[in-house]
């Protein structure tokens, strides 16, 4: 059983990683082209719309996806009930956004936001049709099928966006790309999954799923609202162009933090839900997950922040200079995202959605500080303050890991210190090269090469365990995938 679970985890992690890398890789390449064709103002307008669609998607989920994954023997009634709730909520929320679109345009002083919001928000309904289909694949830890869907939909939607940008559609190219990927992925999920919902609502299933899920929904809603509030502050108190710069920086930071977090959550939650009653195995598994994940995340994020200016200048041009300034600070904060997610994952697996919700409320109250500073002082001070609130959030999250599983904050700090030491050494080694009187096209390859060499030397000299484990997992996963 243990070997089977390990095999599932390794194989699922590899395929989930490939899924995210494929999606991020294609999206990143497309975004480079689009960022050169479009303006920061175009991206800022889409960023404003995303504020509302992100909140709606969290409400549509209703926590039922999390509840379904945690349910060991989910019935067809469970799936049908979740599907009906998701679809019904999406229709209601779209009607609200459609009606309120003129108010959104008035608040941000951009008249074109009315029609942009109404069209772009159709993705809410399309996404709701795919939630349960994707959940069924996730419960089976079938990320191979999801990877194929991701690659195809990302490539095709990227082509759609680029063609529209070349034809002069401006911000509509971003809307077209977003809707295309939603439609394509939803259609393919239905085809691959071969599950057709019945309009059969079960009150018993609803009460059981929503009884656990509503706290997760509120927690997710709080998290989403607070993340989007940063964009509200930037978009309202500054300008859509500045918001575009901010969202571009956030987009670059997601290359490692958010996407790796998504991989870890997608794989570990369904797998570890199966051993939720064995705390010894859970702690052992989580320690390995944290050490390996933070080694990759901290190194990647710090390195990305260190090369931000030459990287952005070379890829999308000097018109995105502000994004290059914001990115290093966002990377420092983002390096801890997987750590937060894994600690909260522990509470989910233990069924403590009440504590999950309580923690989110407390952390969001603390997060008001950076928001006020962003509104009345400046974006850079806001990003610095956000680093402090992130450290406080970690201490709160990890407190309950220590209380319920015996995996204390101090134990976690000791586990991640080697990763941050490696990350800091590499970042400092390459950061100051940007001040050389050379073109960014010369500085960037030197930074990349030097960073890789220093990384390999450190791993070889220190014989760091996390590096060996990643190599072992990758090799083992490739063998299993090829079987």
Protein backbone atom coordinates (compact mmCIF):
# COMPACT_ATOMS: atom_id res chain seq x y z
CA UNK A 1 0.00 0.00 0.00
CA UNK A 2 2.80 2.39 0.92
CA UNK A 3 4.65 1.68 -2.32
CA UNK A 4 1.48 2.08 -4.32
CA UNK A 5 0.81 5.43 -2.66
CA UNK A 6 4.38 6.54 -3.27
CA UNK A 7 4.14 5.54 -6.93
CA UNK A 8 0.89 7.45 -7.29
CA UNK A 9 2.39 10.52 -5.67
CA UNK A 10 5.58 10.52 -7.76
CA UNK A 11 3.77 9.84 -11.01
CA UNK A 12 1.04 12.33 -10.20
CA UNK A 13 3.59 14.99 -9.25
CA UNK A 14 5.53 14.49 -12.46
CA UNK A 15 2.45 14.71 -14.68
CA UNK A 16 0.98 17.58 -12.69
CA UNK A 17 4.33 19.34 -12.99
CA UNK A 18 4.41 18.73 -16.74
CA UNK A 19 0.85 20.04 -16.93
CA UNK A 20 1.77 23.28 -15.18
CA UNK A 21 5.08 23.66 -17.01
CA UNK A 22 3.33 23.18 -20.33
CA UNK A 23 0.62 25.68 -19.48
CA UNK A 24 3.05 28.19 -18.00
CA UNK A 25 5.56 27.68 -20.81
CA UNK A 26 3.06 28.21 -23.60
CA UNK A 27 1.31 31.05 -21.77
CA UNK A 28 4.66 32.67 -21.01
CA UNK A 29 5.83 32.51 -24.63
CA UNK A 30 2.50 33.90 -25.82
CA UNK A 31 2.61 36.65 -23.20
CA UNK A 32 6.04 37.73 -24.42
CA UNK A 33 4.67 38.21 -27.93
CA UNK A 34 1.50 39.91 -26.69
CA UNK A 35 3.41 42.19 -24.30
CA UNK A 36 5.42 43.50 -27.26
CA UNK A 37 2.27 44.01 -29.35
CA UNK A 38 0.05 45.45 -26.62
CA UNK A 39 0.46 48.17 -23.99
CA UNK A 40 0.55 48.20 -20.16
CA UNK A 41 -2.84 49.93 -20.33
CA UNK A 42 -4.33 46.93 -22.19
CA UNK A 43 -3.05 44.55 -19.53
CA UNK A 44 -4.32 46.88 -16.82
CA UNK A 45 -7.85 46.79 -18.21
CA UNK A 46 -7.82 42.98 -18.23
CA UNK A 47 -6.38 43.07 -14.71
CA UNK A 48 -9.39 45.07 -13.54
CA UNK A 49 -11.78 42.50 -15.03
CA UNK A 50 -9.82 39.68 -13.42
CA UNK A 51 -10.53 41.18 -10.02
CA UNK A 52 -14.20 40.30 -10.37
CA UNK A 53 -13.95 37.04 -12.30
CA UNK A 54 -11.50 35.61 -9.75
CA UNK A 55 -13.89 36.31 -6.89
CA UNK A 56 -16.78 34.78 -8.84
CA UNK A 57 -14.84 31.61 -9.61
CA UNK A 58 -14.12 31.15 -5.91
CA UNK A 59 -17.82 31.50 -5.08
CA UNK A 60 -18.83 29.10 -7.86
CA UNK A 61 -16.56 26.41 -6.47
CA UNK A 62 -18.34 26.80 -3.15
CA UNK A 63 -15.73 24.58 -1.54
CA UNK A 64 -17.44 21.58 -3.11
CA UNK A 65 -14.47 20.65 -5.26
CA UNK A 66 -12.32 20.41 -2.14
CA UNK A 67 -15.03 18.42 -0.38
CA UNK A 68 -15.41 16.04 -3.34
CA UNK A 69 -11.68 15.34 -3.47
CA UNK A 70 -11.60 14.66 0.26
CA UNK A 71 -14.58 12.27 0.06
CA UNK A 72 -13.11 8.79 -0.27
CA UNK A 73 -16.11 7.20 -2.00
CA UNK A 74 -17.91 10.00 -3.79
CA UNK A 75 -21.19 8.91 -5.38
CA UNK A 76 -22.77 9.96 -8.65
CA UNK A 77 -25.29 11.96 -6.62
CA UNK A 78 -22.38 13.88 -5.09
CA UNK A 79 -20.99 14.78 -8.52
CA UNK A 80 -24.39 15.72 -9.95
CA UNK A 81 -25.24 17.89 -6.97
CA UNK A 82 -21.90 19.72 -7.16
CA UNK A 83 -22.34 20.24 -10.90
CA UNK A 84 -25.82 21.73 -10.50
CA UNK A 85 -24.65 24.04 -7.68
CA UNK A 86 -21.61 25.23 -9.65
CA UNK A 87 -23.58 25.92 -12.82
CA UNK A 88 -26.44 27.61 -11.00
CA UNK A 89 -24.10 29.87 -9.06
CA UNK A 90 -22.22 30.81 -12.23
CA UNK A 91 -25.44 31.94 -13.94
CA UNK A 92 -26.44 34.05 -10.94
CA UNK A 93 -23.01 35.68 -10.65
CA UNK A 94 -22.79 36.39 -14.37
CA UNK A 95 -26.15 38.16 -14.16
CA UNK A 96 -24.81 40.26 -11.27
CA UNK A 97 -21.64 41.20 -13.17
CA UNK A 98 -23.58 41.91 -16.37
CA UNK A 99 -25.84 44.30 -14.48
CA UNK A 100 -23.03 45.91 -12.48
CA UNK A 101 -20.59 46.37 -15.38
CA UNK A 102 -21.42 50.09 -15.82
CA UNK A 103 -20.64 50.68 -12.14
CA UNK A 104 -17.28 48.96 -12.55
CA UNK A 105 -16.52 51.20 -15.53
CA UNK A 106 -17.54 54.28 -13.53
CA UNK A 107 -15.44 53.31 -10.49
CA UNK A 108 -12.25 52.90 -12.56
CA UNK A 109 -13.08 55.83 -14.87
CA UNK A 110 -12.90 53.73 -18.06
CA UNK A 111 -16.09 53.56 -20.14
CA UNK A 112 -14.92 50.62 -22.27
CA UNK A 113 -14.88 48.37 -19.19
CA UNK A 114 -18.66 47.90 -19.48
CA UNK A 115 -18.60 45.79 -22.64
CA UNK A 116 -15.20 44.26 -21.81
CA UNK A 117 -16.47 43.01 -18.46
CA UNK A 118 -19.70 41.59 -19.89
CA UNK A 119 -17.96 39.63 -22.62
CA UNK A 120 -14.93 38.47 -20.64
CA UNK A 121 -17.08 37.27 -17.73
CA UNK A 122 -18.71 34.63 -19.95
CA UNK A 123 -15.69 32.58 -18.94
CA UNK A 124 -17.30 32.21 -15.50
CA UNK A 125 -20.11 30.06 -16.91
CA UNK A 126 -17.78 28.12 -19.21
CA UNK A 127 -15.43 27.36 -16.31
CA UNK A 128 -18.29 26.16 -14.11
CA UNK A 129 -19.09 23.49 -16.70
CA UNK A 130 -15.57 22.08 -16.30
CA UNK A 131 -15.13 22.04 -12.51
CA UNK A 132 -16.59 18.63 -11.72
CA UNK A 133 -15.09 17.09 -14.85
CA UNK A 134 -11.62 18.20 -13.76
CA UNK A 135 -12.30 17.07 -10.20
CA UNK A 136 -13.06 13.53 -11.35
CA UNK A 137 -9.69 13.33 -13.10
CA UNK A 138 -7.93 14.81 -10.07
CA UNK A 139 -9.48 12.23 -7.72
CA UNK A 140 -8.08 9.52 -9.98
CA UNK A 141 -4.73 11.36 -9.92
CA UNK A 142 -5.00 11.39 -13.70
CA UNK A 143 -2.88 14.41 -14.56
CA UNK A 144 -1.69 12.87 -17.81
CA UNK A 145 -5.05 13.56 -19.46
CA UNK A 146 -5.16 17.04 -17.96
CA UNK A 147 -1.70 17.75 -19.35
CA UNK A 148 -2.76 16.92 -22.90
CA UNK A 149 -5.80 19.16 -22.56
CA UNK A 150 -3.69 21.99 -21.16
CA UNK A 151 -1.13 21.87 -23.95
CA UNK A 152 -3.68 21.84 -26.76
CA UNK A 153 -5.92 24.55 -25.31
CA UNK A 154 -2.97 26.79 -24.35
CA UNK A 155 -1.38 26.60 -27.81
CA UNK A 156 -4.61 27.19 -29.74
CA UNK A 157 -5.80 30.03 -27.49
CA UNK A 158 -2.34 31.59 -27.69
CA UNK A 159 -2.51 31.61 -31.48
CA UNK A 160 -5.96 33.22 -31.26
CA UNK A 161 -4.64 35.97 -28.98
CA UNK A 162 -1.59 36.71 -31.13
CA UNK A 163 -3.62 36.86 -34.37
CA UNK A 164 -6.12 39.24 -32.76
CA UNK A 165 -3.28 41.44 -31.45
CA UNK A 166 -1.64 41.57 -34.89
CA UNK A 167 -4.99 42.59 -36.37
CA UNK A 168 -5.13 45.56 -33.98
CA UNK A 169 -7.81 44.38 -31.54
CA UNK A 170 -5.84 45.65 -28.52
CA UNK A 171 -7.19 44.47 -25.18
CA UNK A 172 -9.75 42.31 -26.99
CA UNK A 173 -6.87 40.02 -27.96
CA UNK A 174 -6.41 39.20 -24.26
CA UNK A 175 -10.15 38.64 -23.83
CA UNK A 176 -10.23 36.38 -26.89
CA UNK A 177 -7.31 34.34 -25.62
CA UNK A 178 -8.92 33.92 -22.20
CA UNK A 179 -12.30 32.78 -23.58
CA UNK A 180 -10.66 30.46 -26.13
CA UNK A 181 -8.70 28.56 -23.50
CA UNK A 182 -11.83 28.20 -21.33
CA UNK A 183 -13.95 26.85 -24.17
CA UNK A 184 -11.31 24.46 -25.51
CA UNK A 185 -10.33 23.00 -22.13
CA UNK A 186 -13.98 22.56 -21.09
CA UNK A 187 -14.93 20.76 -24.30
CA UNK A 188 -11.91 18.44 -24.10
CA UNK A 189 -12.54 17.66 -20.42
CA UNK A 190 -16.04 16.51 -21.31
CA UNK A 191 -14.73 14.37 -24.15
CA UNK A 192 -11.92 12.75 -22.17
CA UNK A 193 -13.87 12.22 -18.95
CA UNK A 194 -16.89 10.53 -20.55
CA UNK A 195 -19.11 11.52 -17.62
CA UNK A 196 -22.46 13.12 -18.39
CA UNK A 197 -24.19 14.82 -15.45
CA UNK A 198 -27.82 14.18 -14.63
CA UNK A 199 -30.02 17.00 -13.39
CA UNK A 200 -30.47 15.11 -10.15
CA UNK A 201 -30.01 17.18 -6.99
CA UNK A 202 -29.45 15.36 -3.70
CA UNK A 203 -30.17 17.33 -0.53
CA UNK A 204 -28.14 14.81 1.48
CA UNK A 205 -25.10 15.22 -0.77
CA UNK A 206 -25.43 19.00 -0.70
CA UNK A 207 -25.54 19.19 3.10
CA UNK A 208 -22.58 16.85 3.46
CA UNK A 209 -20.40 18.50 0.82
CA UNK A 210 -21.37 22.07 1.61
CA UNK A 211 -21.13 21.37 5.35
CA UNK A 212 -17.41 20.92 4.88
CA UNK A 213 -16.98 23.11 1.82
CA UNK A 214 -18.62 26.37 2.90
CA UNK A 215 -15.77 27.14 5.28
CA UNK A 216 -13.30 26.38 2.50
CA UNK A 217 -15.30 28.64 0.19
CA UNK A 218 -15.18 31.54 2.65
CA UNK A 219 -11.47 30.93 3.22
CA UNK A 220 -10.83 30.89 -0.51
CA UNK A 221 -13.02 33.95 -0.96
CA UNK A 222 -11.10 35.88 1.67
CA UNK A 223 -7.81 34.88 0.08
CA UNK A 224 -8.96 35.80 -3.42
CA UNK A 225 -10.52 39.10 -2.36
CA UNK A 226 -7.37 40.15 -0.54
CA UNK A 227 -5.15 39.21 -3.47
CA UNK A 228 -7.37 41.16 -5.83
CA UNK A 229 -7.59 44.12 -3.46
CA UNK A 230 -3.96 44.83 -4.27
CA UNK A 231 -5.02 45.21 -7.89
CA UNK A 232 -8.00 47.35 -6.85
CA UNK A 233 -5.68 49.68 -4.93
CA UNK A 234 -3.20 49.95 -7.81
CA UNK A 235 -5.92 50.32 -10.46
CA UNK A 236 -7.99 52.84 -8.52
CA UNK A 237 -5.33 55.00 -6.86
CA UNK A 238 -2.84 54.96 -9.73
CA UNK A 239 -3.79 54.02 -13.30
CA UNK A 240 -4.60 51.01 -15.52
CA UNK A 241 -1.12 51.40 -17.05
CA UNK A 242 0.51 51.07 -13.61
CA UNK A 243 -1.78 48.14 -12.88
CA UNK A 244 -0.60 46.58 -16.13
CA UNK A 245 3.00 46.89 -14.93
CA UNK A 246 2.06 45.32 -11.61
CA UNK A 247 0.18 42.41 -13.21
CA UNK A 248 3.09 41.72 -15.58
CA UNK A 249 5.42 41.49 -12.58
CA UNK A 250 2.94 39.19 -10.83
CA UNK A 251 2.74 37.10 -13.99
CA UNK A 252 6.50 36.57 -14.04
CA UNK A 253 6.54 35.65 -10.35
CA UNK A 254 3.95 32.92 -10.92
CA UNK A 255 6.45 31.02 -13.02
CA UNK A 256 7.65 29.31 -9.85
CA UNK A 257 5.56 30.17 -6.81
CA UNK A 258 1.89 29.90 -7.71
CA UNK A 259 2.33 27.19 -10.31
CA UNK A 260 4.49 24.98 -8.12
CA UNK A 261 2.02 25.52 -5.30
CA UNK A 262 -0.79 24.39 -7.60
CA UNK A 263 1.14 21.24 -8.52
CA UNK A 264 1.79 20.33 -4.89
CA UNK A 265 -1.81 20.99 -3.80
CA UNK A 266 -3.35 19.09 -6.70
CA UNK A 267 -1.29 15.99 -6.01
CA UNK A 268 -0.80 15.90 -2.24
CA UNK A 269 -4.37 16.67 -1.20
CA UNK A 270 -6.09 13.67 -2.85
CA UNK A 271 -3.17 11.34 -2.09
CA UNK A 272 -2.68 12.31 1.55
CA UNK A 273 -6.40 12.34 2.20
CA UNK A 274 -6.08 8.56 1.94
CA UNK A 275 -3.70 8.47 4.95
CA UNK A 276 -5.37 11.18 7.01
CA UNK A 277 -5.63 8.83 10.01
CA UNK A 278 -1.92 7.96 10.09
CA UNK A 279 -0.23 11.06 11.52
CA UNK A 280 3.26 9.56 11.54
CA UNK A 281 3.15 8.92 7.80
CA UNK A 282 1.56 12.30 7.19
CA UNK A 283 4.28 14.22 9.04
CA UNK A 284 7.00 12.28 7.27
CA UNK A 285 5.39 12.94 3.90
CA UNK A 286 4.83 16.64 4.58
CA UNK A 287 8.41 17.17 5.73
CA UNK A 288 9.73 15.72 2.49
CA UNK A 289 7.24 17.78 0.49
CA UNK A 290 8.18 21.03 2.23
CA UNK A 291 11.94 20.49 1.94
CA UNK A 292 11.84 19.58 -1.74
CA UNK A 293 9.23 22.18 -2.69
CA UNK A 294 10.93 25.05 -0.90
CA UNK A 295 14.30 24.11 -2.37
CA UNK A 296 12.89 24.54 -5.87
CA UNK A 297 10.71 27.55 -5.07
CA UNK A 298 13.18 29.62 -3.03
CA UNK A 299 16.02 29.05 -5.50
CA UNK A 300 13.85 29.77 -8.52
CA UNK A 301 12.14 32.84 -7.09
CA UNK A 302 15.27 34.49 -5.71
CA UNK A 303 17.12 33.85 -8.97
CA UNK A 304 14.20 35.26 -10.96
CA UNK A 305 14.18 38.39 -8.82
CA UNK A 306 17.93 38.81 -9.22
CA UNK A 307 17.77 38.77 -13.04
CA UNK A 308 14.46 40.62 -13.32
CA UNK A 309 15.66 43.78 -15.05
CA UNK A 310 17.74 42.25 -17.88
CA UNK A 311 15.15 39.49 -18.30
CA UNK A 312 12.18 41.84 -18.70
CA UNK A 313 14.10 44.25 -20.93
CA UNK A 314 15.12 41.43 -23.27
CA UNK A 315 11.79 39.60 -23.35
CA UNK A 316 9.15 42.33 -23.43
CA UNK A 317 11.05 45.59 -23.75
CA UNK A 318 12.03 48.63 -21.65
CA UNK A 319 8.45 49.97 -21.65
CA UNK A 320 7.90 47.44 -18.82
CA UNK A 321 10.59 49.02 -16.61
CA UNK A 322 8.26 49.41 -13.62
CA UNK A 323 7.49 45.69 -13.67
CA UNK A 324 11.23 44.98 -13.37
CA UNK A 325 11.33 47.12 -10.20
CA UNK A 326 8.34 45.40 -8.59
CA UNK A 327 9.36 41.83 -9.46
CA UNK A 328 12.22 41.22 -6.95
CA UNK A 329 10.03 42.21 -3.99
CA UNK A 330 7.11 40.13 -5.28
CA UNK A 331 9.49 37.17 -5.68
CA UNK A 332 10.59 37.34 -2.04
CA UNK A 333 6.97 37.20 -0.89
CA UNK A 334 6.04 34.59 -3.49
CA UNK A 335 8.80 32.23 -2.42
CA UNK A 336 6.76 31.43 0.70
CA UNK A 337 3.46 30.69 -1.07
CA UNK A 338 4.01 26.90 -1.26
CA UNK A 339 4.90 26.87 2.44
CA UNK A 340 1.59 28.54 3.29
CA UNK A 341 -0.33 26.20 1.01
CA UNK A 342 1.25 23.03 2.44
CA UNK A 343 0.52 24.07 6.03
CA UNK A 344 -3.08 24.87 5.16
CA UNK A 345 -3.25 21.60 3.24
CA UNK A 346 -2.53 19.81 6.50
CA UNK A 347 -5.61 21.37 8.06
CA UNK A 348 -7.76 20.44 5.05
CA UNK A 349 -6.68 16.82 5.16
CA UNK A 350 -7.46 16.73 8.88
CA UNK A 351 -10.93 18.12 8.14
CA UNK A 352 -10.32 21.31 10.13
CA UNK A 353 -11.99 23.70 7.72
CA UNK A 354 -13.11 25.76 10.73
CA UNK A 355 -9.51 26.55 11.66
CA UNK A 356 -8.69 27.11 8.01
CA UNK A 357 -11.38 29.80 7.88
CA UNK A 358 -10.34 31.34 11.19
CA UNK A 359 -6.73 31.62 10.09
CA UNK A 360 -7.72 33.28 6.84
CA UNK A 361 -9.76 35.90 8.70
CA UNK A 362 -6.90 36.75 11.07
CA UNK A 363 -4.33 36.91 8.25
CA UNK A 364 -6.53 39.17 6.15
CA UNK A 365 -6.91 41.59 9.03
CA UNK A 366 -3.11 41.73 9.23
CA UNK A 367 -2.93 42.19 5.45
CA UNK A 368 -4.89 45.45 5.72
CA UNK A 369 -1.61 47.14 6.64
CA UNK A 370 0.09 46.72 3.25
CA UNK A 371 -3.15 47.71 1.47
CA UNK A 372 -3.38 51.02 3.33
CA UNK A 373 0.28 51.71 2.67
CA UNK A 374 -0.24 50.96 -1.02
CA UNK A 375 -3.18 53.35 -1.21
CA UNK A 376 -1.64 56.27 0.68
CA UNK A 377 2.15 55.86 0.50
CA UNK A 378 3.23 53.94 -2.59
CA UNK A 379 3.51 50.59 -4.34
CA UNK A 380 7.13 49.88 -3.33
CA UNK A 381 6.46 50.43 0.42
CA UNK A 382 3.38 48.21 0.02
CA UNK A 383 5.49 45.38 -1.39
CA UNK A 384 8.06 45.71 1.43
CA UNK A 385 5.33 45.62 4.07
CA UNK A 386 3.81 42.59 2.38
CA UNK A 387 7.02 40.65 3.08
CA UNK A 388 6.53 41.25 6.79
CA UNK A 389 2.88 40.17 6.72
CA UNK A 390 3.94 37.00 4.86
CA UNK A 391 6.32 36.06 7.69
CA UNK A 392 3.55 36.58 10.25
CA UNK A 393 1.17 34.47 8.13
CA UNK A 394 3.69 31.61 8.06
CA UNK A 395 4.00 31.63 11.85
CA UNK A 396 0.21 31.49 12.20
CA UNK A 397 -0.20 28.69 9.65
CA UNK A 398 2.63 26.57 11.01
CA UNK A 399 1.46 26.95 14.64
CA UNK A 400 -1.42 24.54 14.00
CA UNK A 401 0.78 22.12 12.10
CA UNK A 402 2.81 21.88 15.29
CA UNK A 403 -0.26 21.62 17.48
CA UNK A 404 -2.02 18.82 15.58
CA UNK A 405 0.81 16.94 13.90
CA UNK A 406 3.87 17.82 15.95
CA UNK A 407 5.52 19.56 13.00
CA UNK A 408 6.36 22.88 14.68
CA UNK A 409 7.27 26.25 13.20
CA UNK A 410 10.86 25.86 14.36
CA UNK A 411 11.13 22.41 12.75
CA UNK A 412 9.87 23.86 9.49
CA UNK A 413 12.30 26.80 9.68
CA UNK A 414 15.21 24.39 10.17
CA UNK A 415 13.98 22.35 7.20
CA UNK A 416 13.88 25.35 4.85
CA UNK A 417 17.01 27.23 5.98
CA UNK A 418 19.30 25.28 3.59
CA UNK A 419 17.03 26.13 0.66
CA UNK A 420 16.98 29.86 1.44
CA UNK A 421 20.74 29.85 2.02
CA UNK A 422 21.33 28.38 -1.45
CA UNK A 423 18.80 30.79 -2.98
CA UNK A 424 20.33 33.87 -1.35
CA UNK A 425 23.87 32.90 -2.35
CA UNK A 426 22.92 32.46 -6.00
CA UNK A 427 20.80 35.64 -6.11
CA UNK A 428 23.52 37.85 -4.63
CA UNK A 429 26.11 36.34 -6.96
CA UNK A 430 24.26 37.46 -10.09
CA UNK A 431 22.20 40.48 -9.00
CA UNK A 432 24.90 43.16 -9.17
CA UNK A 433 25.95 42.17 -12.68
CA UNK A 434 23.09 44.31 -13.99
CA UNK A 435 25.11 47.43 -13.11
CA UNK A 436 27.81 46.55 -15.63
CA UNK A 437 27.97 49.05 -18.53
CA UNK A 438 26.76 46.39 -20.97
CA UNK A 439 23.61 45.65 -22.92
CA UNK A 440 20.92 43.59 -21.22
CA UNK A 441 21.31 41.09 -24.06
CA UNK A 442 24.88 40.44 -22.82
CA UNK A 443 24.20 40.63 -19.09
CA UNK A 444 21.28 38.18 -19.08
CA UNK A 445 23.12 35.14 -20.55
CA UNK A 446 26.05 35.79 -18.20
CA UNK A 447 23.66 35.86 -15.22
CA UNK A 448 21.93 32.69 -16.34
CA UNK A 449 25.16 30.78 -16.90
CA UNK A 450 26.78 31.97 -13.67
CA UNK A 451 23.65 31.19 -11.65
CA UNK A 452 23.47 27.63 -12.98
CA UNK A 453 27.19 27.02 -12.37
CA UNK A 454 27.02 28.32 -8.79
CA UNK A 455 23.89 26.24 -8.13
CA UNK A 456 25.56 23.02 -9.33
CA UNK A 457 28.77 23.75 -7.40
CA UNK A 458 26.82 24.37 -4.16
CA UNK A 459 24.81 21.16 -4.61
CA UNK A 460 27.99 19.17 -5.34
CA UNK A 461 30.05 20.61 -2.48
CA UNK A 462 27.33 20.49 0.19
CA UNK A 463 25.75 17.25 -1.08
CA UNK A 464 22.41 18.79 -0.15
CA UNK A 465 19.71 16.16 0.36
CA UNK A 466 16.92 18.10 -1.35
CA UNK A 467 18.83 18.16 -4.64
CA UNK A 468 19.47 14.42 -4.53
CA UNK A 469 15.83 13.75 -3.74
CA UNK A 470 14.61 15.86 -6.65
CA UNK A 471 16.92 13.99 -9.01
CA UNK A 472 15.70 10.69 -7.63
CA UNK A 473 12.03 11.65 -7.89
CA UNK A 474 12.47 12.90 -11.44
CA UNK A 475 14.27 9.75 -12.57
CA UNK A 476 11.77 7.51 -10.82
CA UNK A 477 8.84 9.46 -12.25
CA UNK A 478 10.15 9.26 -15.80
CA UNK A 479 10.54 5.48 -15.50
CA UNK A 480 6.99 5.13 -14.18
CA UNK A 481 5.54 7.36 -16.88
CA UNK A 482 7.23 5.32 -19.59
CA UNK A 483 5.83 2.04 -18.25
